[in-house]
């Protein structure tokens, strides 16, 4: 299969712990050439507060369903990486 995407690539960040927050901030400030923050997702509403300027979701399923992202940064606990990555690939990300 082939992928098509825009520039800047619209990237969603799933998981706003220490690492995910760092990734989301760098994307939001334009520090990643060719990429932009499209949306963030975390189950903790407090974690989402720092990203009010972006679309925020309480679950990765909501983020995928919204169609805002063309790619994902998976920053959840490692035990969730495979399942979430497979779901994202199945959704065309």
PDB file of N, CA and C in Angstrom:
ATOM      1  N   UNK A   1       0.843  -1.179   0.000  1.00  0.00           N
ATOM      2  CA  UNK A   1       0.000   0.000   0.000  1.00  0.00           C
ATOM      3  C   UNK A   1       0.880   1.231   0.000  1.00  0.00           C
ATOM      4  N   UNK A   2       0.333   2.344  -0.445  1.00  0.00           N
ATOM      5  CA  UNK A   2       1.096   3.584  -0.458  1.00  0.00           C
ATOM      6  C   UNK A   2       0.466   4.574   0.506  1.00  0.00           C
ATOM      7  N   UNK A   3       1.305   5.443   1.000  1.00  0.00           N
ATOM      8  CA  UNK A   3       0.854   6.469   1.927  1.00  0.00           C
ATOM      9  C   UNK A   3       0.959   7.813   1.242  1.00  0.00           C
ATOM     10  N   UNK A   4       0.012   8.672   1.502  1.00  0.00           N
ATOM     11  CA  UNK A   4       0.131  10.047   1.032  1.00  0.00           C
ATOM     12  C   UNK A   4      -0.059  10.957   2.239  1.00  0.00           C
ATOM     13  N   UNK A   5       0.689  12.023   2.245  1.00  0.00           N
ATOM     14  CA  UNK A   5       0.604  12.958   3.360  1.00  0.00           C
ATOM     15  C   UNK A   5       0.947  14.349   2.879  1.00  0.00           C
ATOM     16  N   UNK A   6       0.583  15.319   3.677  1.00  0.00           N
ATOM     17  CA  UNK A   6       0.840  16.711   3.355  1.00  0.00           C
ATOM     18  C   UNK A   6       2.137  17.151   4.026  1.00  0.00           C
ATOM     19  N   UNK A   7       2.602  18.319   3.643  1.00  0.00           N
ATOM     20  CA  UNK A   7       3.702  18.949   4.364  1.00  0.00           C
ATOM     21  C   UNK A   7       3.193  20.265   4.886  1.00  0.00           C
ATOM     22  N   UNK A   8       3.327  20.567   6.128  1.00  0.00           N
ATOM     23  CA  UNK A   8       3.965  19.697   7.106  1.00  0.00           C
ATOM     24  C   UNK A   8       3.085  18.487   7.447  1.00  0.00           C
ATOM     25  N   UNK A   9       3.756  17.379   7.734  1.00  0.00           N
ATOM     26  CA  UNK A   9       3.079  16.158   8.164  1.00  0.00           C
ATOM     27  C   UNK A   9       2.343  16.445   9.468  1.00  0.00           C
ATOM     28  N   UNK A  10       1.074  16.102   9.528  1.00  0.00           N
ATOM     29  CA  UNK A  10       0.255  16.356  10.712  1.00  0.00           C
ATOM     30  C   UNK A  10       0.402  15.186  11.689  1.00  0.00           C
ATOM     31  N   UNK A  11       1.034  15.450  12.826  1.00  0.00           N
ATOM     32  CA  UNK A  11       1.401  14.405  13.769  1.00  0.00           C
ATOM     33  C   UNK A  11       0.576  14.509  15.049  1.00  0.00           C
ATOM     34  N   UNK A  12      -0.002  13.391  15.457  1.00  0.00           N
ATOM     35  CA  UNK A  12      -0.687  13.297  16.733  1.00  0.00           C
ATOM     36  C   UNK A  12       0.237  12.647  17.749  1.00  0.00           C
ATOM     37  N   UNK A  13       0.150  13.092  18.986  1.00  0.00           N
ATOM     38  CA  UNK A  13       0.946  12.504  20.068  1.00  0.00           C
ATOM     39  C   UNK A  13      -0.012  11.826  21.035  1.00  0.00           C
ATOM     40  N   UNK A  14       0.194  10.543  21.247  1.00  0.00           N
ATOM     41  CA  UNK A  14      -0.633   9.755  22.160  1.00  0.00           C
ATOM     42  C   UNK A  14       0.183   9.476  23.412  1.00  0.00           C
ATOM     43  N   UNK A  15      -0.265  10.024  24.530  1.00  0.00           N
ATOM     44  CA  UNK A  15       0.432   9.867  25.803  1.00  0.00           C
ATOM     45  C   UNK A  15       1.227  11.113  26.126  1.00  0.00           C
ATOM     46  N   UNK A  16       0.812  11.832  27.164  1.00  0.00           N
ATOM     47  CA  UNK A  16       1.477  13.083  27.524  1.00  0.00           C
ATOM     48  C   UNK A  16       2.186  12.990  28.868  1.00  0.00           C
ATOM     49  N   UNK A  17       2.929  11.907  29.023  1.00  0.00           N
ATOM     50  CA  UNK A  17       3.826  11.825  30.165  1.00  0.00           C
ATOM     51  C   UNK A  17       5.036  12.700  29.873  1.00  0.00           C
ATOM     52  N   UNK A  18       6.132  12.441  30.546  1.00  0.00           N
ATOM     53  CA  UNK A  18       7.327  13.264  30.373  1.00  0.00           C
ATOM     54  C   UNK A  18       7.799  13.289  28.917  1.00  0.00           C
ATOM     55  N   UNK A  19       7.954  12.135  28.319  1.00  0.00           N
ATOM     56  CA  UNK A  19       8.475  12.051  26.947  1.00  0.00           C
ATOM     57  C   UNK A  19       7.457  12.562  25.927  1.00  0.00           C
ATOM     58  N   UNK A  20       6.204  12.140  26.043  1.00  0.00           N
ATOM     59  CA  UNK A  20       5.189  12.586  25.097  1.00  0.00           C
ATOM     60  C   UNK A  20       4.991  14.088  25.124  1.00  0.00           C
ATOM     61  N   UNK A  21       5.039  14.682  26.308  1.00  0.00           N
ATOM     62  CA  UNK A  21       4.919  16.137  26.432  1.00  0.00           C
ATOM     63  C   UNK A  21       6.074  16.828  25.722  1.00  0.00           C
ATOM     64  N   UNK A  22       7.277  16.302  25.885  1.00  0.00           N
ATOM     65  CA  UNK A  22       8.439  16.863  25.194  1.00  0.00           C
ATOM     66  C   UNK A  22       8.239  16.801  23.680  1.00  0.00           C
ATOM     67  N   UNK A  23       7.825  15.655  23.166  1.00  0.00           N
ATOM     68  CA  UNK A  23       7.612  15.517  21.726  1.00  0.00           C
ATOM     69  C   UNK A  23       6.534  16.483  21.232  1.00  0.00           C
ATOM     70  N   UNK A  24       5.429  16.569  21.967  1.00  0.00           N
ATOM     71  CA  UNK A  24       4.332  17.450  21.558  1.00  0.00           C
ATOM     72  C   UNK A  24       4.768  18.910  21.563  1.00  0.00           C
ATOM     73  N   UNK A  25       5.518  19.319  22.570  1.00  0.00           N
ATOM     74  CA  UNK A  25       6.001  20.715  22.627  1.00  0.00           C
ATOM     75  C   UNK A  25       6.913  21.036  21.451  1.00  0.00           C
ATOM     76  N   UNK A  26       7.807  20.104  21.117  1.00  0.00           N
ATOM     77  CA  UNK A  26       8.726  20.337  19.997  1.00  0.00           C
ATOM     78  C   UNK A  26       7.965  20.430  18.673  1.00  0.00           C
ATOM     79  N   UNK A  27       6.981  19.576  18.484  1.00  0.00           N
ATOM     80  CA  UNK A  27       6.156  19.653  17.278  1.00  0.00           C
ATOM     81  C   UNK A  27       5.369  20.960  17.243  1.00  0.00           C
ATOM     82  N   UNK A  28       4.802  21.360  18.376  1.00  0.00           N
ATOM     83  CA  UNK A  28       3.981  22.565  18.439  1.00  0.00           C
ATOM     84  C   UNK A  28       4.805  23.823  18.136  1.00  0.00           C
ATOM     85  N   UNK A  29       6.061  23.844  18.548  1.00  0.00           N
ATOM     86  CA  UNK A  29       6.875  25.049  18.322  1.00  0.00           C
ATOM     87  C   UNK A  29       7.586  25.042  16.972  1.00  0.00           C
ATOM     88  N   UNK A  30       7.328  24.024  16.158  1.00  0.00           N
ATOM     89  CA  UNK A  30       7.903  23.972  14.826  1.00  0.00           C
ATOM     90  C   UNK A  30       9.353  23.524  14.782  1.00  0.00           C
ATOM     91  N   UNK A  31       9.796  22.801  15.803  1.00  0.00           N
ATOM     92  CA  UNK A  31      11.190  22.374  15.884  1.00  0.00           C
ATOM     93  C   UNK A  31      11.497  21.129  15.062  1.00  0.00           C
ATOM     94  N   UNK A  32      10.465  20.510  14.493  1.00  0.00           N
ATOM     95  CA  UNK A  32      10.669  19.302  13.691  1.00  0.00           C
ATOM     96  C   UNK A  32      10.373  19.674  12.237  1.00  0.00           C
ATOM     97  N   UNK A  33      11.428  19.832  11.423  1.00  0.00           N
ATOM     98  CA  UNK A  33      11.197  20.240  10.031  1.00  0.00           C
ATOM     99  C   UNK A  33      10.257  19.269   9.311  1.00  0.00           C
ATOM    100  N   UNK A  34       9.273  19.849   8.623  1.00  0.00           N
ATOM    101  CA  UNK A  34       8.344  19.038   7.854  1.00  0.00           C
ATOM    102  C   UNK A  34       7.223  18.409   8.652  1.00  0.00           C
ATOM    103  N   UNK A  35       7.108  18.751   9.953  1.00  0.00           N
ATOM    104  CA  UNK A  35       6.065  18.154  10.794  1.00  0.00           C
ATOM    105  C   UNK A  35       5.433  19.221  11.677  1.00  0.00           C
ATOM    106  N   UNK A  36       4.166  19.013  12.029  1.00  0.00           N
ATOM    107  CA  UNK A  36       3.435  19.930  12.903  1.00  0.00           C
ATOM    108  C   UNK A  36       2.551  19.126  13.836  1.00  0.00           C
ATOM    109  N   UNK A  37       2.286  19.677  15.007  1.00  0.00           N
ATOM    110  CA  UNK A  37       1.399  19.018  15.957  1.00  0.00           C
ATOM    111  C   UNK A  37      -0.039  19.143  15.479  1.00  0.00           C
ATOM    112  N   UNK A  38      -0.689  18.009  15.265  1.00  0.00           N
ATOM    113  CA  UNK A  38      -2.079  17.986  14.795  1.00  0.00           C
ATOM    114  C   UNK A  38      -3.060  17.799  15.934  1.00  0.00           C
ATOM    115  N   UNK A  39      -2.675  17.016  16.944  1.00  0.00           N
ATOM    116  CA  UNK A  39      -3.581  16.697  18.046  1.00  0.00           C
ATOM    117  C   UNK A  39      -2.793  15.980  19.135  1.00  0.00           C
ATOM    118  N   UNK A  40      -3.361  15.999  20.335  1.00  0.00           N
ATOM    119  CA  UNK A  40      -2.774  15.272  21.454  1.00  0.00           C
ATOM    120  C   UNK A  40      -3.847  14.421  22.112  1.00  0.00           C
ATOM    121  N   UNK A  41      -3.389  13.392  22.820  1.00  0.00           N
ATOM    122  CA  UNK A  41      -4.303  12.472  23.470  1.00  0.00           C
ATOM    123  C   UNK A  41      -3.713  12.019  24.792  1.00  0.00           C
ATOM    124  N   UNK A  42      -4.518  12.061  25.836  1.00  0.00           N
ATOM    125  CA  UNK A  42      -4.134  11.501  27.124  1.00  0.00           C
ATOM    126  C   UNK A  42      -5.412  11.273  27.920  1.00  0.00           C
ATOM    127  N   UNK A  43      -5.419  10.249  28.739  1.00  0.00           N
ATOM    128  CA  UNK A  43      -6.593   9.949  29.561  1.00  0.00           C
ATOM    129  C   UNK A  43      -6.744  10.943  30.703  1.00  0.00           C
ATOM    130  N   UNK A  44      -5.667  11.658  31.046  1.00  0.00           N
ATOM    131  CA  UNK A  44      -5.677  12.621  32.149  1.00  0.00           C
ATOM    132  C   UNK A  44      -5.982  14.025  31.616  1.00  0.00           C
ATOM    133  N   UNK A  45      -7.146  14.588  31.948  1.00  0.00           N
ATOM    134  CA  UNK A  45      -7.489  15.927  31.453  1.00  0.00           C
ATOM    135  C   UNK A  45      -6.465  16.993  31.852  1.00  0.00           C
ATOM    136  N   UNK A  46      -5.808  16.826  32.971  1.00  0.00           N
ATOM    137  CA  UNK A  46      -4.788  17.793  33.396  1.00  0.00           C
ATOM    138  C   UNK A  46      -3.625  17.824  32.415  1.00  0.00           C
ATOM    139  N   UNK A  47      -3.243  16.678  31.884  1.00  0.00           N
ATOM    140  CA  UNK A  47      -2.130  16.611  30.938  1.00  0.00           C
ATOM    141  C   UNK A  47      -2.465  17.362  29.651  1.00  0.00           C
ATOM    142  N   UNK A  48      -3.739  17.409  29.294  1.00  0.00           N
ATOM    143  CA  UNK A  48      -4.166  18.072  28.061  1.00  0.00           C
ATOM    144  C   UNK A  48      -4.172  19.590  28.177  1.00  0.00           C
ATOM    145  N   UNK A  49      -4.221  20.118  29.380  1.00  0.00           N
ATOM    146  CA  UNK A  49      -4.359  21.566  29.580  1.00  0.00           C
ATOM    147  C   UNK A  49      -3.253  22.371  28.906  1.00  0.00           C
ATOM    148  N   UNK A  50      -2.031  21.856  28.896  1.00  0.00           N
ATOM    149  CA  UNK A  50      -0.916  22.592  28.297  1.00  0.00           C
ATOM    150  C   UNK A  50      -1.027  22.683  26.774  1.00  0.00           C
ATOM    151  N   UNK A  51      -1.937  21.908  26.191  1.00  0.00           N
ATOM    152  CA  UNK A  51      -2.061  21.863  24.736  1.00  0.00           C
ATOM    153  C   UNK A  51      -3.442  22.298  24.271  1.00  0.00           C
ATOM    154  N   UNK A  52      -4.062  23.213  25.005  1.00  0.00           N
ATOM    155  CA  UNK A  52      -5.412  23.684  24.680  1.00  0.00           C
ATOM    156  C   UNK A  52      -5.523  24.234  23.264  1.00  0.00           C
ATOM    157  N   UNK A  53      -4.405  24.726  22.696  1.00  0.00           N
ATOM    158  CA  UNK A  53      -4.445  25.305  21.351  1.00  0.00           C
ATOM    159  C   UNK A  53      -4.560  24.232  20.264  1.00  0.00           C
ATOM    160  N   UNK A  54      -4.370  22.989  20.631  1.00  0.00           N
ATOM    161  CA  UNK A  54      -4.462  21.867  19.688  1.00  0.00           C
ATOM    162  C   UNK A  54      -5.702  21.035  19.989  1.00  0.00           C
ATOM    163  N   UNK A  55      -6.201  20.305  19.008  1.00  0.00           N
ATOM    164  CA  UNK A  55      -7.286  19.373  19.304  1.00  0.00           C
ATOM    165  C   UNK A  55      -6.823  18.360  20.361  1.00  0.00           C
ATOM    166  N   UNK A  56      -7.625  18.187  21.390  1.00  0.00           N
ATOM    167  CA  UNK A  56      -7.284  17.297  22.504  1.00  0.00           C
ATOM    168  C   UNK A  56      -8.315  16.181  22.604  1.00  0.00           C
ATOM    169  N   UNK A  57      -7.827  14.979  22.883  1.00  0.00           N
ATOM    170  CA  UNK A  57      -8.688  13.812  22.968  1.00  0.00           C
ATOM    171  C   UNK A  57      -8.358  13.017  24.219  1.00  0.00           C
ATOM    172  N   UNK A  58      -9.373  12.393  24.800  1.00  0.00           N
ATOM    173  CA  UNK A  58      -9.202  11.581  25.996  1.00  0.00           C
ATOM    174  C   UNK A  58      -8.846  10.137  25.717  1.00  0.00           C
ATOM    175  N   UNK A  59      -8.927   9.736  24.440  1.00  0.00           N
ATOM    176  CA  UNK A  59      -8.550   8.367  24.087  1.00  0.00           C
ATOM    177  C   UNK A  59      -7.941   8.362  22.693  1.00  0.00           C
ATOM    178  N   UNK A  60      -7.096   7.372  22.466  1.00  0.00           N
ATOM    179  CA  UNK A  60      -6.470   7.262  21.148  1.00  0.00           C
ATOM    180  C   UNK A  60      -7.512   6.935  20.086  1.00  0.00           C
ATOM    181  N   UNK A  61      -8.574   6.209  20.457  1.00  0.00           N
ATOM    182  CA  UNK A  61      -9.628   5.877  19.499  1.00  0.00           C
ATOM    183  C   UNK A  61     -10.324   7.149  19.006  1.00  0.00           C
ATOM    184  N   UNK A  62     -10.569   8.091  19.911  1.00  0.00           N
ATOM    185  CA  UNK A  62     -11.173   9.376  19.519  1.00  0.00           C
ATOM    186  C   UNK A  62     -10.241  10.147  18.589  1.00  0.00           C
ATOM    187  N   UNK A  63      -8.963  10.146  18.907  1.00  0.00           N
ATOM    188  CA  UNK A  63      -7.990  10.842  18.063  1.00  0.00           C
ATOM    189  C   UNK A  63      -7.978  10.236  16.666  1.00  0.00           C
ATOM    190  N   UNK A  64      -7.915   8.920  16.564  1.00  0.00           N
ATOM    191  CA  UNK A  64      -7.914   8.269  15.250  1.00  0.00           C
ATOM    192  C   UNK A  64      -9.201   8.571  14.491  1.00  0.00           C
ATOM    193  N   UNK A  65     -10.337   8.501  15.177  1.00  0.00           N
ATOM    194  CA  UNK A  65     -11.629   8.720  14.524  1.00  0.00           C
ATOM    195  C   UNK A  65     -11.784  10.149  14.012  1.00  0.00           C
ATOM    196  N   UNK A  66     -11.120  11.112  14.649  1.00  0.00           N
ATOM    197  CA  UNK A  66     -11.249  12.516  14.259  1.00  0.00           C
ATOM    198  C   UNK A  66     -10.566  12.808  12.929  1.00  0.00           C
ATOM    199  N   UNK A  67      -9.611  11.972  12.523  1.00  0.00           N
ATOM    200  CA  UNK A  67      -8.950  12.170  11.241  1.00  0.00           C
ATOM    201  C   UNK A  67      -8.031  13.372  11.181  1.00  0.00           C
ATOM    202  N   UNK A  68      -7.563  13.863  12.308  1.00  0.00           N
ATOM    203  CA  UNK A  68      -6.697  15.049  12.346  1.00  0.00           C
ATOM    204  C   UNK A  68      -5.239  14.730  12.056  1.00  0.00           C
ATOM    205  N   UNK A  69      -4.810  13.522  12.345  1.00  0.00           N
ATOM    206  CA  UNK A  69      -3.391  13.165  12.242  1.00  0.00           C
ATOM    207  C   UNK A  69      -3.117  12.276  11.041  1.00  0.00           C
ATOM    208  N   UNK A  70      -1.930  12.460  10.463  1.00  0.00           N
ATOM    209  CA  UNK A  70      -1.449  11.601   9.380  1.00  0.00           C
ATOM    210  C   UNK A  70      -0.405  10.613   9.890  1.00  0.00           C
ATOM    211  N   UNK A  71       0.114  10.888  11.081  1.00  0.00           N
ATOM    212  CA  UNK A  71       1.118  10.037  11.720  1.00  0.00           C
ATOM    213  C   UNK A  71       0.955  10.170  13.224  1.00  0.00           C
ATOM    214  N   UNK A  72       1.446   9.191  13.966  1.00  0.00           N
ATOM    215  CA  UNK A  72       1.363   9.234  15.425  1.00  0.00           C
ATOM    216  C   UNK A  72       2.727   9.048  16.054  1.00  0.00           C
ATOM    217  N   UNK A  73       2.925   9.757  17.157  1.00  0.00           N
ATOM    218  CA  UNK A  73       4.009   9.457  18.081  1.00  0.00           C
ATOM    219  C   UNK A  73       3.341   8.701  19.220  1.00  0.00           C
ATOM    220  N   UNK A  74       3.760   7.474  19.447  1.00  0.00           N
ATOM    221  CA  UNK A  74       3.196   6.654  20.508  1.00  0.00           C
ATOM    222  C   UNK A  74       4.098   6.785  21.732  1.00  0.00           C
ATOM    223  N   UNK A  75       3.604   7.497  22.739  1.00  0.00           N
ATOM    224  CA  UNK A  75       4.380   7.753  23.956  1.00  0.00           C
ATOM    225  C   UNK A  75       3.630   7.229  25.176  1.00  0.00           C
ATOM    226  N   UNK A  76       2.994   6.108  24.986  1.00  0.00           N
ATOM    227  CA  UNK A  76       2.268   5.432  26.059  1.00  0.00           C
ATOM    228  C   UNK A  76       3.215   4.451  26.744  1.00  0.00           C
ATOM    229  N   UNK A  77       2.773   3.785  27.805  1.00  0.00           N
ATOM    230  CA  UNK A  77       3.615   2.731  28.375  1.00  0.00           C
ATOM    231  C   UNK A  77       3.970   1.697  27.304  1.00  0.00           C
ATOM    232  N   UNK A  78       5.193   1.168  27.330  1.00  0.00           N
ATOM    233  CA  UNK A  78       5.660   0.255  26.282  1.00  0.00           C
ATOM    234  C   UNK A  78       4.751  -0.943  26.022  1.00  0.00           C
ATOM    235  N   UNK A  79       4.042  -1.411  27.026  1.00  0.00           N
ATOM    236  CA  UNK A  79       3.170  -2.574  26.821  1.00  0.00           C
ATOM    237  C   UNK A  79       2.026  -2.277  25.856  1.00  0.00           C
ATOM    238  N   UNK A  80       1.735  -1.007  25.608  1.00  0.00           N
ATOM    239  CA  UNK A  80       0.654  -0.610  24.702  1.00  0.00           C
ATOM    240  C   UNK A  80       1.139  -0.304  23.286  1.00  0.00           C
ATOM    241  N   UNK A  81       2.447  -0.239  23.066  1.00  0.00           N
ATOM    242  CA  UNK A  81       2.981   0.226  21.790  1.00  0.00           C
ATOM    243  C   UNK A  81       2.549  -0.623  20.599  1.00  0.00           C
ATOM    244  N   UNK A  82       2.658  -1.932  20.701  1.00  0.00           N
ATOM    245  CA  UNK A  82       2.356  -2.791  19.547  1.00  0.00           C
ATOM    246  C   UNK A  82       0.891  -2.661  19.158  1.00  0.00           C
ATOM    247  N   UNK A  83      -0.008  -2.791  20.115  1.00  0.00           N
ATOM    248  CA  UNK A  83      -1.442  -2.727  19.821  1.00  0.00           C
ATOM    249  C   UNK A  83      -1.813  -1.391  19.192  1.00  0.00           C
ATOM    250  N   UNK A  84      -1.348  -0.305  19.785  1.00  0.00           N
ATOM    251  CA  UNK A  84      -1.688   1.016  19.268  1.00  0.00           C
ATOM    252  C   UNK A  84      -1.066   1.255  17.897  1.00  0.00           C
ATOM    253  N   UNK A  85       0.152   0.815  17.689  1.00  0.00           N
ATOM    254  CA  UNK A  85       0.800   0.975  16.393  1.00  0.00           C
ATOM    255  C   UNK A  85       0.058   0.202  15.309  1.00  0.00           C
ATOM    256  N   UNK A  86      -0.353  -1.011  15.605  1.00  0.00           N
ATOM    257  CA  UNK A  86      -1.120  -1.795  14.617  1.00  0.00           C
ATOM    258  C   UNK A  86      -2.453  -1.145  14.288  1.00  0.00           C
ATOM    259  N   UNK A  87      -3.119  -0.589  15.291  1.00  0.00           N
ATOM    260  CA  UNK A  87      -4.393   0.101  15.051  1.00  0.00           C
ATOM    261  C   UNK A  87      -4.179   1.367  14.203  1.00  0.00           C
ATOM    262  N   UNK A  88      -3.105   2.097  14.493  1.00  0.00           N
ATOM    263  CA  UNK A  88      -2.806   3.298  13.717  1.00  0.00           C
ATOM    264  C   UNK A  88      -2.495   2.943  12.267  1.00  0.00           C
ATOM    265  N   UNK A  89      -1.708   1.902  12.058  1.00  0.00           N
ATOM    266  CA  UNK A  89      -1.400   1.464  10.686  1.00  0.00           C
ATOM    267  C   UNK A  89      -2.669   1.033   9.958  1.00  0.00           C
ATOM    268  N   UNK A  90      -3.547   0.319  10.652  1.00  0.00           N
ATOM    269  CA  UNK A  90      -4.807  -0.118  10.046  1.00  0.00           C
ATOM    270  C   UNK A  90      -5.676   1.072   9.665  1.00  0.00           C
ATOM    271  N   UNK A  91      -5.531   2.179  10.398  1.00  0.00           N
ATOM    272  CA  UNK A  91      -6.291   3.397  10.112  1.00  0.00           C
ATOM    273  C   UNK A  91      -5.617   4.253   9.036  1.00  0.00           C
ATOM    274  N   UNK A  92      -4.490   3.792   8.500  1.00  0.00           N
ATOM    275  CA  UNK A  92      -3.822   4.523   7.433  1.00  0.00           C
ATOM    276  C   UNK A  92      -2.774   5.505   7.884  1.00  0.00           C
ATOM    277  N   UNK A  93      -2.426   5.484   9.155  1.00  0.00           N
ATOM    278  CA  UNK A  93      -1.387   6.384   9.671  1.00  0.00           C
ATOM    279  C   UNK A  93      -0.038   5.733   9.598  1.00  0.00           C
TER     280      UNK A  93
END
